Amino acid sequence: MSETKQYFVLRREGGTLKVSFEAVAMQVRGACAEIDGVTGISVAEASNEWVGQRGIVIERGEGEADCRIKVYITVLYGNVITETAAAVQENVKQAVESCLSLNVTSVDVYVSGITFPKQ
């Protein structure tokens, strides 16, 4: 994990726009929270990738605006996991592309746990 802040640098007609990996991770966290059945984001596995927010990995893609996202979630018991994961993929991609002007090439969802309702 790198200590220096990393950015996507988008060249525009009037100058450049820098979007930090941290800003992308915050957008991902918000998009996950909007999905019914997602109870949280869990710790990502140790790797050499950028892990800024717990359970969210951002990778730079081929182009200057391309990114790959990995998110580790926990799901509420009783929800259809494949449907919940698909909803997370779609919502994360839409949120990052529309709000941050990045091209999301993939959203990999890892269901790392199940949360049981409190009785």
PDB file of N, CA and C in Angstrom:
ATOM      1  N   MET A   1       0.843  -1.176   0.000  1.00  0.00           N
ATOM      2  CA  MET A   1       0.000   0.000   0.000  1.00  0.00           C
ATOM      3  C   MET A   1       0.888   1.239   0.000  1.00  0.00           C
ATOM      4  N   SER A   2       0.624   2.140  -0.884  1.00  0.00           N
ATOM      5  CA  SER A   2       1.432   3.340  -1.022  1.00  0.00           C
ATOM      6  C   SER A   2       0.977   4.416  -0.045  1.00  0.00           C
ATOM      7  N   GLU A   3       1.937   5.170   0.472  1.00  0.00           N
ATOM      8  CA  GLU A   3       1.635   6.244   1.411  1.00  0.00           C
ATOM      9  C   GLU A   3       1.273   7.538   0.690  1.00  0.00           C
ATOM     10  N   THR A   4       1.709   7.702  -0.566  1.00  0.00           N
ATOM     11  CA  THR A   4       1.416   8.930  -1.284  1.00  0.00           C
ATOM     12  C   THR A   4       0.039   8.842  -1.911  1.00  0.00           C
ATOM     13  N   LYS A   5      -0.623   9.984  -1.977  1.00  0.00           N
ATOM     14  CA  LYS A   5      -1.960  10.033  -2.548  1.00  0.00           C
ATOM     15  C   LYS A   5      -1.873   9.805  -4.055  1.00  0.00           C
ATOM     16  N   GLN A   6      -2.730   8.945  -4.568  1.00  0.00           N
ATOM     17  CA  GLN A   6      -2.734   8.635  -5.994  1.00  0.00           C
ATOM     18  C   GLN A   6      -3.949   9.274  -6.647  1.00  0.00           C
ATOM     19  N   TYR A   7      -3.785   9.665  -7.905  1.00  0.00           N
ATOM     20  CA  TYR A   7      -4.837  10.362  -8.639  1.00  0.00           C
ATOM     21  C   TYR A   7      -5.014   9.784 -10.039  1.00  0.00           C
ATOM     22  N   PHE A   8      -6.231   9.909 -10.540  1.00  0.00           N
ATOM     23  CA  PHE A   8      -6.494   9.788 -11.963  1.00  0.00           C
ATOM     24  C   PHE A   8      -6.385  11.214 -12.486  1.00  0.00           C
ATOM     25  N   VAL A   9      -5.606  11.428 -13.539  1.00  0.00           N
ATOM     26  CA  VAL A   9      -5.435  12.766 -14.100  1.00  0.00           C
ATOM     27  C   VAL A   9      -6.165  12.800 -15.435  1.00  0.00           C
ATOM     28  N   LEU A  10      -7.209  13.611 -15.490  1.00  0.00           N
ATOM     29  CA  LEU A  10      -8.028  13.721 -16.690  1.00  0.00           C
ATOM     30  C   LEU A  10      -7.737  15.055 -17.358  1.00  0.00           C
ATOM     31  N   ARG A  11      -7.264  14.997 -18.595  1.00  0.00           N
ATOM     32  CA  ARG A  11      -6.947  16.220 -19.318  1.00  0.00           C
ATOM     33  C   ARG A  11      -8.211  16.732 -19.997  1.00  0.00           C
ATOM     34  N   ARG A  12      -8.516  17.987 -19.723  1.00  0.00           N
ATOM     35  CA  ARG A  12      -9.708  18.633 -20.273  1.00  0.00           C
ATOM     36  C   ARG A  12      -9.286  19.864 -21.070  1.00  0.00           C
ATOM     37  N   GLU A  13     -10.214  20.421 -21.801  1.00  0.00           N
ATOM     38  CA  GLU A  13      -9.924  21.591 -22.625  1.00  0.00           C
ATOM     39  C   GLU A  13      -9.413  22.764 -21.787  1.00  0.00           C
ATOM     40  N   GLY A  14      -9.980  22.987 -20.628  1.00  0.00           N
ATOM     41  CA  GLY A  14      -9.589  24.125 -19.803  1.00  0.00           C
ATOM     42  C   GLY A  14      -8.496  23.829 -18.794  1.00  0.00           C
ATOM     43  N   GLY A  15      -7.968  22.625 -18.794  1.00  0.00           N
ATOM     44  CA  GLY A  15      -6.935  22.245 -17.832  1.00  0.00           C
ATOM     45  C   GLY A  15      -7.055  20.772 -17.474  1.00  0.00           C
ATOM     46  N   THR A  16      -6.620  20.437 -16.281  1.00  0.00           N
ATOM     47  CA  THR A  16      -6.684  19.038 -15.859  1.00  0.00           C
ATOM     48  C   THR A  16      -7.587  18.896 -14.643  1.00  0.00           C
ATOM     49  N   LEU A  17      -8.134  17.717 -14.509  1.00  0.00           N
ATOM     50  CA  LEU A  17      -8.946  17.352 -13.353  1.00  0.00           C
ATOM     51  C   LEU A  17      -8.258  16.168 -12.700  1.00  0.00           C
ATOM     52  N   LYS A  18      -7.975  16.280 -11.420  1.00  0.00           N
ATOM     53  CA  LYS A  18      -7.360  15.179 -10.682  1.00  0.00           C
ATOM     54  C   LYS A  18      -8.394  14.611  -9.724  1.00  0.00           C
ATOM     55  N   VAL A  19      -8.642  13.312  -9.854  1.00  0.00           N
ATOM     56  CA  VAL A  19      -9.579  12.613  -8.979  1.00  0.00           C
ATOM     57  C   VAL A  19      -8.773  11.613  -8.166  1.00  0.00           C
ATOM     58  N   SER A  20      -8.762  11.775  -6.856  1.00  0.00           N
ATOM     59  CA  SER A  20      -7.967  10.882  -6.013  1.00  0.00           C
ATOM     60  C   SER A  20      -8.609   9.505  -5.925  1.00  0.00           C
ATOM     61  N   PHE A  21      -7.772   8.510  -5.717  1.00  0.00           N
ATOM     62  CA  PHE A  21      -8.278   7.157  -5.509  1.00  0.00           C
ATOM     63  C   PHE A  21      -9.211   7.153  -4.300  1.00  0.00           C
ATOM     64  N   GLU A  22      -8.899   7.962  -3.305  1.00  0.00           N
ATOM     65  CA  GLU A  22      -9.726   8.060  -2.101  1.00  0.00           C
ATOM     66  C   GLU A  22     -11.129   8.562  -2.447  1.00  0.00           C
ATOM     67  N   ALA A  23     -11.228   9.540  -3.346  1.00  0.00           N
ATOM     68  CA  ALA A  23     -12.535  10.048  -3.769  1.00  0.00           C
ATOM     69  C   ALA A  23     -13.332   8.957  -4.481  1.00  0.00           C
ATOM     70  N   VAL A  24     -12.657   8.164  -5.293  1.00  0.00           N
ATOM     71  CA  VAL A  24     -13.326   7.047  -5.969  1.00  0.00           C
ATOM     72  C   VAL A  24     -13.847   6.058  -4.928  1.00  0.00           C
ATOM     73  N   ALA A  25     -13.014   5.730  -3.950  1.00  0.00           N
ATOM     74  CA  ALA A  25     -13.418   4.780  -2.909  1.00  0.00           C
ATOM     75  C   ALA A  25     -14.610   5.293  -2.112  1.00  0.00           C
ATOM     76  N   MET A  26     -14.650   6.584  -1.840  1.00  0.00           N
ATOM     77  CA  MET A  26     -15.785   7.154  -1.111  1.00  0.00           C
ATOM     78  C   MET A  26     -17.066   7.051  -1.935  1.00  0.00           C
ATOM     79  N   GLN A  27     -16.956   7.269  -3.237  1.00  0.00           N
ATOM     80  CA  GLN A  27     -18.112   7.142  -4.125  1.00  0.00           C
ATOM     81  C   GLN A  27     -18.591   5.692  -4.157  1.00  0.00           C
ATOM     82  N   VAL A  28     -17.653   4.753  -4.189  1.00  0.00           N
ATOM     83  CA  VAL A  28     -17.993   3.322  -4.179  1.00  0.00           C
ATOM     84  C   VAL A  28     -18.724   2.966  -2.889  1.00  0.00           C
ATOM     85  N   ARG A  29     -18.216   3.442  -1.759  1.00  0.00           N
ATOM     86  CA  ARG A  29     -18.845   3.164  -0.463  1.00  0.00           C
ATOM     87  C   ARG A  29     -20.294   3.657  -0.445  1.00  0.00           C
ATOM     88  N   GLY A  30     -20.512   4.860  -0.932  1.00  0.00           N
ATOM     89  CA  GLY A  30     -21.867   5.410  -0.979  1.00  0.00           C
ATOM     90  C   GLY A  30     -22.786   4.608  -1.884  1.00  0.00           C
ATOM     91  N   ALA A  31     -22.266   4.183  -3.029  1.00  0.00           N
ATOM     92  CA  ALA A  31     -23.073   3.397  -3.969  1.00  0.00           C
ATOM     93  C   ALA A  31     -23.452   2.042  -3.380  1.00  0.00           C
ATOM     94  N   CYS A  32     -22.546   1.432  -2.631  1.00  0.00           N
ATOM     95  CA  CYS A  32     -22.843   0.144  -1.987  1.00  0.00           C
ATOM     96  C   CYS A  32     -23.909   0.304  -0.909  1.00  0.00           C
ATOM     97  N   ALA A  33     -23.838   1.404  -0.172  1.00  0.00           N
ATOM     98  CA  ALA A  33     -24.786   1.647   0.918  1.00  0.00           C
ATOM     99  C   ALA A  33     -26.214   1.808   0.410  1.00  0.00           C
ATOM    100  N   GLU A  34     -26.377   2.164  -0.850  1.00  0.00           N
ATOM    101  CA  GLU A  34     -27.709   2.345  -1.430  1.00  0.00           C
ATOM    102  C   GLU A  34     -28.402   1.031  -1.782  1.00  0.00           C
ATOM    103  N   ILE A  35     -27.692  -0.072  -1.759  1.00  0.00           N
ATOM    104  CA  ILE A  35     -28.240  -1.357  -2.198  1.00  0.00           C
ATOM    105  C   ILE A  35     -28.838  -2.115  -1.018  1.00  0.00           C
ATOM    106  N   ASP A  36     -30.117  -2.485  -1.160  1.00  0.00           N
ATOM    107  CA  ASP A  36     -30.777  -3.301  -0.135  1.00  0.00           C
ATOM    108  C   ASP A  36     -30.043  -4.623   0.012  1.00  0.00           C
ATOM    109  N   GLY A  37     -29.815  -5.012   1.246  1.00  0.00           N
ATOM    110  CA  GLY A  37     -29.161  -6.287   1.515  1.00  0.00           C
ATOM    111  C   GLY A  37     -27.680  -6.180   1.792  1.00  0.00           C
ATOM    112  N   VAL A  38     -27.050  -5.070   1.408  1.00  0.00           N
ATOM    113  CA  VAL A  38     -25.637  -4.873   1.734  1.00  0.00           C
ATOM    114  C   VAL A  38     -25.578  -4.317   3.153  1.00  0.00           C
ATOM    115  N   THR A  39     -24.930  -5.066   4.038  1.00  0.00           N
ATOM    116  CA  THR A  39     -24.862  -4.642   5.437  1.00  0.00           C
ATOM    117  C   THR A  39     -23.552  -3.965   5.784  1.00  0.00           C
ATOM    118  N   GLY A  40     -22.574  -4.064   4.905  1.00  0.00           N
ATOM    119  CA  GLY A  40     -21.309  -3.402   5.186  1.00  0.00           C
ATOM    120  C   GLY A  40     -20.256  -3.739   4.164  1.00  0.00           C
ATOM    121  N   ILE A  41     -19.126  -3.096   4.354  1.00  0.00           N
ATOM    122  CA  ILE A  41     -17.951  -3.351   3.532  1.00  0.00           C
ATOM    123  C   ILE A  41     -16.894  -3.890   4.470  1.00  0.00           C
ATOM    124  N   SER A  42     -16.308  -5.009   4.093  1.00  0.00           N
ATOM    125  CA  SER A  42     -15.354  -5.673   4.983  1.00  0.00           C
ATOM    126  C   SER A  42     -13.926  -5.411   4.534  1.00  0.00           C
ATOM    127  N   VAL A  43     -12.991  -5.890   5.304  1.00  0.00           N
ATOM    128  CA  VAL A  43     -11.577  -5.650   5.023  1.00  0.00           C
ATOM    129  C   VAL A  43     -11.149  -6.419   3.782  1.00  0.00           C
ATOM    130  N   ALA A  44     -10.453  -5.731   2.882  1.00  0.00           N
ATOM    131  CA  ALA A  44      -9.923  -6.371   1.674  1.00  0.00           C
ATOM    132  C   ALA A  44      -8.727  -7.234   2.039  1.00  0.00           C
ATOM    133  N   GLU A  45      -8.494  -8.236   1.224  1.00  0.00           N
ATOM    134  CA  GLU A  45      -7.330  -9.092   1.422  1.00  0.00           C
ATOM    135  C   GLU A  45      -6.055  -8.287   1.176  1.00  0.00           C
ATOM    136  N   ALA A  46      -5.000  -8.664   1.862  1.00  0.00           N
ATOM    137  CA  ALA A  46      -3.722  -7.969   1.685  1.00  0.00           C
ATOM    138  C   ALA A  46      -3.224  -8.154   0.258  1.00  0.00           C
ATOM    139  N   SER A  47      -2.751  -7.076  -0.319  1.00  0.00           N
ATOM    140  CA  SER A  47      -2.249  -7.138  -1.690  1.00  0.00           C
ATOM    141  C   SER A  47      -1.321  -5.954  -1.922  1.00  0.00           C
ATOM    142  N   ASN A  48      -0.806  -5.870  -3.126  1.00  0.00           N
ATOM    143  CA  ASN A  48       0.027  -4.730  -3.499  1.00  0.00           C
ATOM    144  C   ASN A  48      -0.800  -3.620  -4.132  1.00  0.00           C
ATOM    145  N   GLU A  49      -2.118  -3.785  -4.155  1.00  0.00           N
ATOM    146  CA  GLU A  49      -2.990  -2.807  -4.779  1.00  0.00           C
ATOM    147  C   GLU A  49      -3.295  -1.681  -3.797  1.00  0.00           C
ATOM    148  N   TRP A  50      -3.820  -0.589  -4.338  1.00  0.00           N
ATOM    149  CA  TRP A  50      -4.201   0.535  -3.490  1.00  0.00           C
ATOM    150  C   TRP A  50      -5.473   0.178  -2.742  1.00  0.00           C
ATOM    151  N   VAL A  51      -5.415   0.219  -1.431  1.00  0.00           N
ATOM    152  CA  VAL A  51      -6.586  -0.033  -0.585  1.00  0.00           C
ATOM    153  C   VAL A  51      -6.700   1.167   0.341  1.00  0.00           C
ATOM    154  N   GLY A  52      -7.575   2.096  -0.008  1.00  0.00           N
ATOM    155  CA  GLY A  52      -7.678   3.309   0.791  1.00  0.00           C
ATOM    156  C   GLY A  52      -8.767   3.231   1.822  1.00  0.00           C
ATOM    157  N   GLN A  53      -9.935   2.869   1.413  1.00  0.00           N
ATOM    158  CA  GLN A  53     -11.049   2.709   2.324  1.00  0.00           C
ATOM    159  C   GLN A  53     -11.157   1.223   2.593  1.00  0.00           C
ATOM    160  N   ARG A  54     -11.462   0.865   3.803  1.00  0.00           N
ATOM    161  CA  ARG A  54     -11.594  -0.546   4.160  1.00  0.00           C
ATOM    162  C   ARG A  54     -12.449  -1.299   3.157  1.00  0.00           C
ATOM    163  N   GLY A  55     -11.912  -2.350   2.595  1.00  0.00           N
ATOM    164  CA  GLY A  55     -12.687  -3.222   1.726  1.00  0.00           C
ATOM    165  C   GLY A  55     -12.899  -2.741   0.310  1.00  0.00           C
ATOM    166  N   ILE A  56     -12.221  -1.695  -0.094  1.00  0.00           N
ATOM    167  CA  ILE A  56     -12.366  -1.175  -1.454  1.00  0.00           C
ATOM    168  C   ILE A  56     -10.977  -1.049  -2.076  1.00  0.00           C
ATOM    169  N   VAL A  57     -10.810  -1.674  -3.239  1.00  0.00           N
ATOM    170  CA  VAL A  57      -9.529  -1.641  -3.944  1.00  0.00           C
ATOM    171  C   VAL A  57      -9.745  -0.924  -5.272  1.00  0.00           C
ATOM    172  N   ILE A  58      -8.909   0.062  -5.537  1.00  0.00           N
ATOM    173  CA  ILE A  58      -8.970   0.813  -6.794  1.00  0.00           C
ATOM    174  C   ILE A  58      -7.689   0.528  -7.573  1.00  0.00           C
ATOM    175  N   GLU A  59      -7.851   0.187  -8.856  1.00  0.00           N
ATOM    176  CA  GLU A  59      -6.699  -0.060  -9.726  1.00  0.00           C
ATOM    177  C   GLU A  59      -6.795   0.839 -10.953  1.00  0.00           C
ATOM    178  N   ARG A  60      -5.657   1.291 -11.410  1.00  0.00           N
ATOM    179  CA  ARG A  60      -5.598   2.090 -12.628  1.00  0.00           C
ATOM    180  C   ARG A  60      -5.729   1.155 -13.833  1.00  0.00           C
ATOM    181  N   GLY A  61      -6.479   1.579 -14.839  1.00  0.00           N
ATOM    182  CA  GLY A  61      -6.642   0.783 -16.050  1.00  0.00           C
ATOM    183  C   GLY A  61      -5.673   1.209 -17.138  1.00  0.00           C
ATOM    184  N   GLU A  62      -5.970   0.816 -18.370  1.00  0.00           N
ATOM    185  CA  GLU A  62      -5.104   1.119 -19.515  1.00  0.00           C
ATOM    186  C   GLU A  62      -5.090   2.606 -19.862  1.00  0.00           C
ATOM    187  N   GLY A  63      -6.271   3.208 -19.960  1.00  0.00           N
ATOM    188  CA  GLY A  63      -6.363   4.622 -20.329  1.00  0.00           C
ATOM    189  C   GLY A  63      -6.300   5.522 -19.107  1.00  0.00           C
ATOM    190  N   GLU A  64      -6.142   6.827 -19.353  1.00  0.00           N
ATOM    191  CA  GLU A  64      -6.001   7.757 -18.228  1.00  0.00           C
ATOM    192  C   GLU A  64      -7.235   7.812 -17.339  1.00  0.00           C
ATOM    193  N   ALA A  65      -8.410   7.522 -17.892  1.00  0.00           N
ATOM    194  CA  ALA A  65      -9.645   7.587 -17.108  1.00  0.00           C
ATOM    195  C   ALA A  65     -10.196   6.202 -16.767  1.00  0.00           C
ATOM    196  N   ASP A  66      -9.450   5.146 -17.094  1.00  0.00           N
ATOM    197  CA  ASP A  66      -9.925   3.782 -16.848  1.00  0.00           C
ATOM    198  C   ASP A  66      -9.581   3.329 -15.436  1.00  0.00           C
ATOM    199  N   CYS A  67     -10.552   2.697 -14.781  1.00  0.00           N
ATOM    200  CA  CYS A  67     -10.265   2.130 -13.461  1.00  0.00           C
ATOM    201  C   CYS A  67     -10.993   0.804 -13.281  1.00  0.00           C
ATOM    202  N   ARG A  68     -10.396  -0.019 -12.445  1.00  0.00           N
ATOM    203  CA  ARG A  68     -10.989  -1.290 -12.039  1.00  0.00           C
ATOM    204  C   ARG A  68     -11.237  -1.190 -10.539  1.00  0.00           C
ATOM    205  N   ILE A  69     -12.361  -1.741 -10.110  1.00  0.00           N
ATOM    206  CA  ILE A  69     -12.763  -1.626  -8.709  1.00  0.00           C
ATOM    207  C   ILE A  69     -13.029  -3.014  -8.152  1.00  0.00           C
ATOM    208  N   LYS A  70     -12.548  -3.242  -6.938  1.00  0.00           N
ATOM    209  CA  LYS A  70     -12.880  -4.445  -6.182  1.00  0.00           C
ATOM    210  C   LYS A  70     -13.515  -3.982  -4.883  1.00  0.00           C
ATOM    211  N   VAL A  71     -14.621  -4.612  -4.518  1.00  0.00           N
ATOM    212  CA  VAL A  71     -15.281  -4.242  -3.271  1.00  0.00           C
ATOM    213  C   VAL A  71     -15.666  -5.513  -2.518  1.00  0.00           C
ATOM    214  N   TYR A  72     -15.383  -5.526  -1.234  1.00  0.00           N
ATOM    215  CA  TYR A  72     -15.643  -6.666  -0.358  1.00  0.00           C
ATOM    216  C   TYR A  72     -16.825  -6.308   0.523  1.00  0.00           C
ATOM    217  N   ILE A  73     -17.951  -7.028   0.347  1.00  0.00           N
ATOM    218  CA  ILE A  73     -19.173  -6.677   1.068  1.00  0.00           C
ATOM    219  C   ILE A  73     -19.642  -7.810   1.974  1.00  0.00           C
ATOM    220  N   THR A  74     -20.503  -7.439   2.911  1.00  0.00           N
ATOM    221  CA  THR A  74     -21.256  -8.423   3.682  1.00  0.00           C
ATOM    222  C   THR A  74     -22.723  -8.231   3.319  1.00  0.00           C
ATOM    223  N   VAL A  75     -23.453  -9.345   3.286  1.00  0.00           N
ATOM    224  CA  VAL A  75     -24.835  -9.347   2.822  1.00  0.00           C
ATOM    225  C   VAL A  75     -25.746  -9.878   3.925  1.00  0.00           C
ATOM    226  N   LEU A  76     -26.936  -9.313   4.013  1.00  0.00           N
ATOM    227  CA  LEU A  76     -27.927  -9.738   4.995  1.00  0.00           C
ATOM    228  C   LEU A  76     -28.452 -11.131   4.656  1.00  0.00           C
ATOM    229  N   TYR A  77     -28.492 -11.993   5.655  1.00  0.00           N
ATOM    230  CA  TYR A  77     -28.989 -13.357   5.496  1.00  0.00           C
ATOM    231  C   TYR A  77     -30.394 -13.316   4.889  1.00  0.00           C
ATOM    232  N   GLY A  78     -30.631 -14.179   3.912  1.00  0.00           N
ATOM    233  CA  GLY A  78     -31.932 -14.272   3.264  1.00  0.00           C
ATOM    234  C   GLY A  78     -31.989 -13.574   1.918  1.00  0.00           C
ATOM    235  N   ASN A  79     -31.062 -12.694   1.649  1.00  0.00           N
ATOM    236  CA  ASN A  79     -31.023 -12.039   0.341  1.00  0.00           C
ATOM    237  C   ASN A  79     -30.373 -12.968  -0.677  1.00  0.00           C
ATOM    238  N   VAL A  80     -30.788 -12.833  -1.917  1.00  0.00           N
ATOM    239  CA  VAL A  80     -30.174 -13.611  -2.992  1.00  0.00           C
ATOM    240  C   VAL A  80     -28.831 -12.947  -3.308  1.00  0.00           C
ATOM    241  N   ILE A  81     -27.760 -13.644  -2.992  1.00  0.00           N
ATOM    242  CA  ILE A  81     -26.423 -13.050  -3.077  1.00  0.00           C
ATOM    243  C   ILE A  81     -26.079 -12.624  -4.500  1.00  0.00           C
ATOM    244  N   THR A  82     -26.422 -13.442  -5.484  1.00  0.00           N
ATOM    245  CA  THR A  82     -26.076 -13.084  -6.865  1.00  0.00           C
ATOM    246  C   THR A  82     -26.804 -11.815  -7.311  1.00  0.00           C
ATOM    247  N   GLU A  83     -28.045 -11.654  -6.889  1.00  0.00           N
ATOM    248  CA  GLU A  83     -28.801 -10.449  -7.241  1.00  0.00           C
ATOM    249  C   GLU A  83     -28.245  -9.223  -6.522  1.00  0.00           C
ATOM    250  N   THR A  84     -27.892  -9.394  -5.262  1.00  0.00           N
ATOM    251  CA  THR A  84     -27.321  -8.285  -4.494  1.00  0.00           C
ATOM    252  C   THR A  84     -25.989  -7.854  -5.101  1.00  0.00           C
ATOM    253  N   ALA A  85     -25.132  -8.819  -5.433  1.00  0.00           N
ATOM    254  CA  ALA A  85     -23.828  -8.508  -6.025  1.00  0.00           C
ATOM    255  C   ALA A  85     -23.990  -7.822  -7.382  1.00  0.00           C
ATOM    256  N   ALA A  86     -24.936  -8.280  -8.191  1.00  0.00           N
ATOM    257  CA  ALA A  86     -25.179  -7.660  -9.498  1.00  0.00           C
ATOM    258  C   ALA A  86     -25.661  -6.219  -9.332  1.00  0.00           C
ATOM    259  N   ALA A  87     -26.507  -5.978  -8.339  1.00  0.00           N
ATOM    260  CA  ALA A  87     -26.985  -4.617  -8.071  1.00  0.00           C
ATOM    261  C   ALA A  87     -25.837  -3.716  -7.624  1.00  0.00           C
ATOM    262  N   VAL A  88     -24.930  -4.259  -6.815  1.00  0.00           N
ATOM    263  CA  VAL A  88     -23.749  -3.499  -6.389  1.00  0.00           C
ATOM    264  C   VAL A  88     -22.899  -3.145  -7.608  1.00  0.00           C
ATOM    265  N   GLN A  89     -22.638  -4.125  -8.472  1.00  0.00           N
ATOM    266  CA  GLN A  89     -21.827  -3.869  -9.668  1.00  0.00           C
ATOM    267  C   GLN A  89     -22.419  -2.740 -10.509  1.00  0.00           C
ATOM    268  N   GLU A  90     -23.696  -2.830 -10.769  1.00  0.00           N
ATOM    269  CA  GLU A  90     -24.361  -1.841 -11.613  1.00  0.00           C
ATOM    270  C   GLU A  90     -24.353  -0.453 -10.964  1.00  0.00           C
ATOM    271  N   ASN A  91     -24.678  -0.390  -9.673  1.00  0.00           N
ATOM    272  CA  ASN A  91     -24.763   0.900  -8.992  1.00  0.00           C
ATOM    273  C   ASN A  91     -23.392   1.560  -8.841  1.00  0.00           C
ATOM    274  N   VAL A  92     -22.374   0.773  -8.534  1.00  0.00           N
ATOM    275  CA  VAL A  92     -21.018   1.316  -8.400  1.00  0.00           C
ATOM    276  C   VAL A  92     -20.544   1.875  -9.741  1.00  0.00           C
ATOM    277  N   LYS A  93     -20.715   1.105 -10.804  1.00  0.00           N
ATOM    278  CA  LYS A  93     -20.286   1.549 -12.137  1.00  0.00           C
ATOM    279  C   LYS A  93     -20.983   2.854 -12.521  1.00  0.00           C
ATOM    280  N   GLN A  94     -22.292   2.902 -12.337  1.00  0.00           N
ATOM    281  CA  GLN A  94     -23.064   4.091 -12.703  1.00  0.00           C
ATOM    282  C   GLN A  94     -22.644   5.301 -11.868  1.00  0.00           C
ATOM    283  N   ALA A  95     -22.466   5.112 -10.571  1.00  0.00           N
ATOM    284  CA  ALA A  95     -22.120   6.223  -9.681  1.00  0.00           C
ATOM    285  C   ALA A  95     -20.744   6.799 -10.002  1.00  0.00           C
ATOM    286  N   VAL A  96     -19.763   5.938 -10.198  1.00  0.00           N
ATOM    287  CA  VAL A  96     -18.402   6.410 -10.467  1.00  0.00           C
ATOM    288  C   VAL A  96     -18.324   7.074 -11.839  1.00  0.00           C
ATOM    289  N   GLU A  97     -18.955   6.473 -12.834  1.00  0.00           N
ATOM    290  CA  GLU A  97     -18.886   7.053 -14.177  1.00  0.00           C
ATOM    291  C   GLU A  97     -19.629   8.385 -14.255  1.00  0.00           C
ATOM    292  N   SER A  98     -20.805   8.475 -13.649  1.00  0.00           N
ATOM    293  CA  SER A  98     -21.586   9.704 -13.776  1.00  0.00           C
ATOM    294  C   SER A  98     -21.071  10.829 -12.884  1.00  0.00           C
ATOM    295  N   CYS A  99     -20.567  10.514 -11.717  1.00  0.00           N
ATOM    296  CA  CYS A  99     -20.135  11.560 -10.779  1.00  0.00           C
ATOM    297  C   CYS A  99     -18.670  11.950 -10.917  1.00  0.00           C
ATOM    298  N   LEU A 100     -17.827  11.028 -11.359  1.00  0.00           N
ATOM    299  CA  LEU A 100     -16.387  11.294 -11.382  1.00  0.00           C
ATOM    300  C   LEU A 100     -15.781  11.297 -12.785  1.00  0.00           C
ATOM    301  N   SER A 101     -16.591  11.030 -13.805  1.00  0.00           N
ATOM    302  CA  SER A 101     -16.131  11.031 -15.202  1.00  0.00           C
ATOM    303  C   SER A 101     -15.017  10.034 -15.475  1.00  0.00           C
ATOM    304  N   LEU A 102     -15.034   8.916 -14.750  1.00  0.00           N
ATOM    305  CA  LEU A 102     -14.077   7.846 -15.003  1.00  0.00           C
ATOM    306  C   LEU A 102     -14.765   6.738 -15.782  1.00  0.00           C
ATOM    307  N   ASN A 103     -13.978   5.933 -16.477  1.00  0.00           N
ATOM    308  CA  ASN A 103     -14.492   4.779 -17.200  1.00  0.00           C
ATOM    309  C   ASN A 103     -14.212   3.538 -16.362  1.00  0.00           C
ATOM    310  N   VAL A 104     -15.255   2.942 -15.815  1.00  0.00           N
ATOM    311  CA  VAL A 104     -15.100   1.752 -14.974  1.00  0.00           C
ATOM    312  C   VAL A 104     -15.090   0.530 -15.880  1.00  0.00           C
ATOM    313  N   THR A 105     -13.943  -0.144 -15.957  1.00  0.00           N
ATOM    314  CA  THR A 105     -13.823  -1.305 -16.835  1.00  0.00           C
ATOM    315  C   THR A 105     -14.305  -2.582 -16.163  1.00  0.00           C
ATOM    316  N   SER A 106     -14.269  -2.625 -14.826  1.00  0.00           N
ATOM    317  CA  SER A 106     -14.819  -3.787 -14.115  1.00  0.00           C
ATOM    318  C   SER A 106     -15.090  -3.431 -12.660  1.00  0.00           C
ATOM    319  N   VAL A 107     -16.109  -4.083 -12.121  1.00  0.00           N
ATOM    320  CA  VAL A 107     -16.413  -4.009 -10.692  1.00  0.00           C
ATOM    321  C   VAL A 107     -16.488  -5.449 -10.207  1.00  0.00           C
ATOM    322  N   ASP A 108     -15.490  -5.862  -9.452  1.00  0.00           N
ATOM    323  CA  ASP A 108     -15.459  -7.213  -8.899  1.00  0.00           C
ATOM    324  C   ASP A 108     -15.993  -7.153  -7.476  1.00  0.00           C
ATOM    325  N   VAL A 109     -17.029  -7.944  -7.213  1.00  0.00           N
ATOM    326  CA  VAL A 109     -17.660  -7.962  -5.895  1.00  0.00           C
ATOM    327  C   VAL A 109     -17.304  -9.267  -5.204  1.00  0.00           C
ATOM    328  N   TYR A 110     -16.790  -9.149  -3.996  1.00  0.00           N
ATOM    329  CA  TYR A 110     -16.450 -10.301  -3.166  1.00  0.00           C
ATOM    330  C   TYR A 110     -17.384 -10.288  -1.967  1.00  0.00           C
ATOM    331  N   VAL A 111     -18.186 -11.332  -1.824  1.00  0.00           N
ATOM    332  CA  VAL A 111     -19.056 -11.444  -0.652  1.00  0.00           C
ATOM    333  C   VAL A 111     -18.245 -12.165   0.412  1.00  0.00           C
ATOM    334  N   SER A 112     -17.801 -11.411   1.389  1.00  0.00           N
ATOM    335  CA  SER A 112     -16.887 -11.961   2.393  1.00  0.00           C
ATOM    336  C   SER A 112     -17.591 -12.408   3.660  1.00  0.00           C
ATOM    337  N   GLY A 113     -18.899 -12.192   3.727  1.00  0.00           N
ATOM    338  CA  GLY A 113     -19.609 -12.639   4.915  1.00  0.00           C
ATOM    339  C   GLY A 113     -21.108 -12.423   4.804  1.00  0.00           C
ATOM    340  N   ILE A 114     -21.810 -13.065   5.719  1.00  0.00           N
ATOM    341  CA  ILE A 114     -23.262 -12.953   5.832  1.00  0.00           C
ATOM    342  C   ILE A 114     -23.566 -12.377   7.209  1.00  0.00           C
ATOM    343  N   THR A 115     -24.472 -11.404   7.245  1.00  0.00           N
ATOM    344  CA  THR A 115     -24.904 -10.821   8.509  1.00  0.00           C
ATOM    345  C   THR A 115     -26.275 -11.385   8.845  1.00  0.00           C
ATOM    346  N   PHE A 116     -26.423 -11.872  10.065  1.00  0.00           N
ATOM    347  CA  PHE A 116     -27.707 -12.404  10.503  1.00  0.00           C
ATOM    348  C   PHE A 116     -28.484 -11.314  11.225  1.00  0.00           C
ATOM    349  N   PRO A 117     -29.817 -11.271  11.013  1.00  0.00           N
ATOM    350  CA  PRO A 117     -30.617 -10.246  11.687  1.00  0.00           C
ATOM    351  C   PRO A 117     -30.554 -10.425  13.203  1.00  0.00           C
ATOM    352  N   LYS A 118     -30.593  -9.301  13.911  1.00  0.00           N
ATOM    353  CA  LYS A 118     -30.608  -9.378  15.373  1.00  0.00           C
ATOM    354  C   LYS A 118     -31.987  -9.815  15.822  1.00  0.00           C
ATOM    355  N   GLN A 119     -32.021 -10.695  16.793  1.00  0.00           N
ATOM    356  CA  GLN A 119     -33.305 -11.237  17.259  1.00  0.00           C
ATOM    357  C   GLN A 119     -33.741 -10.576  18.531  1.00  0.00           C
TER     358      GLN A 119
END
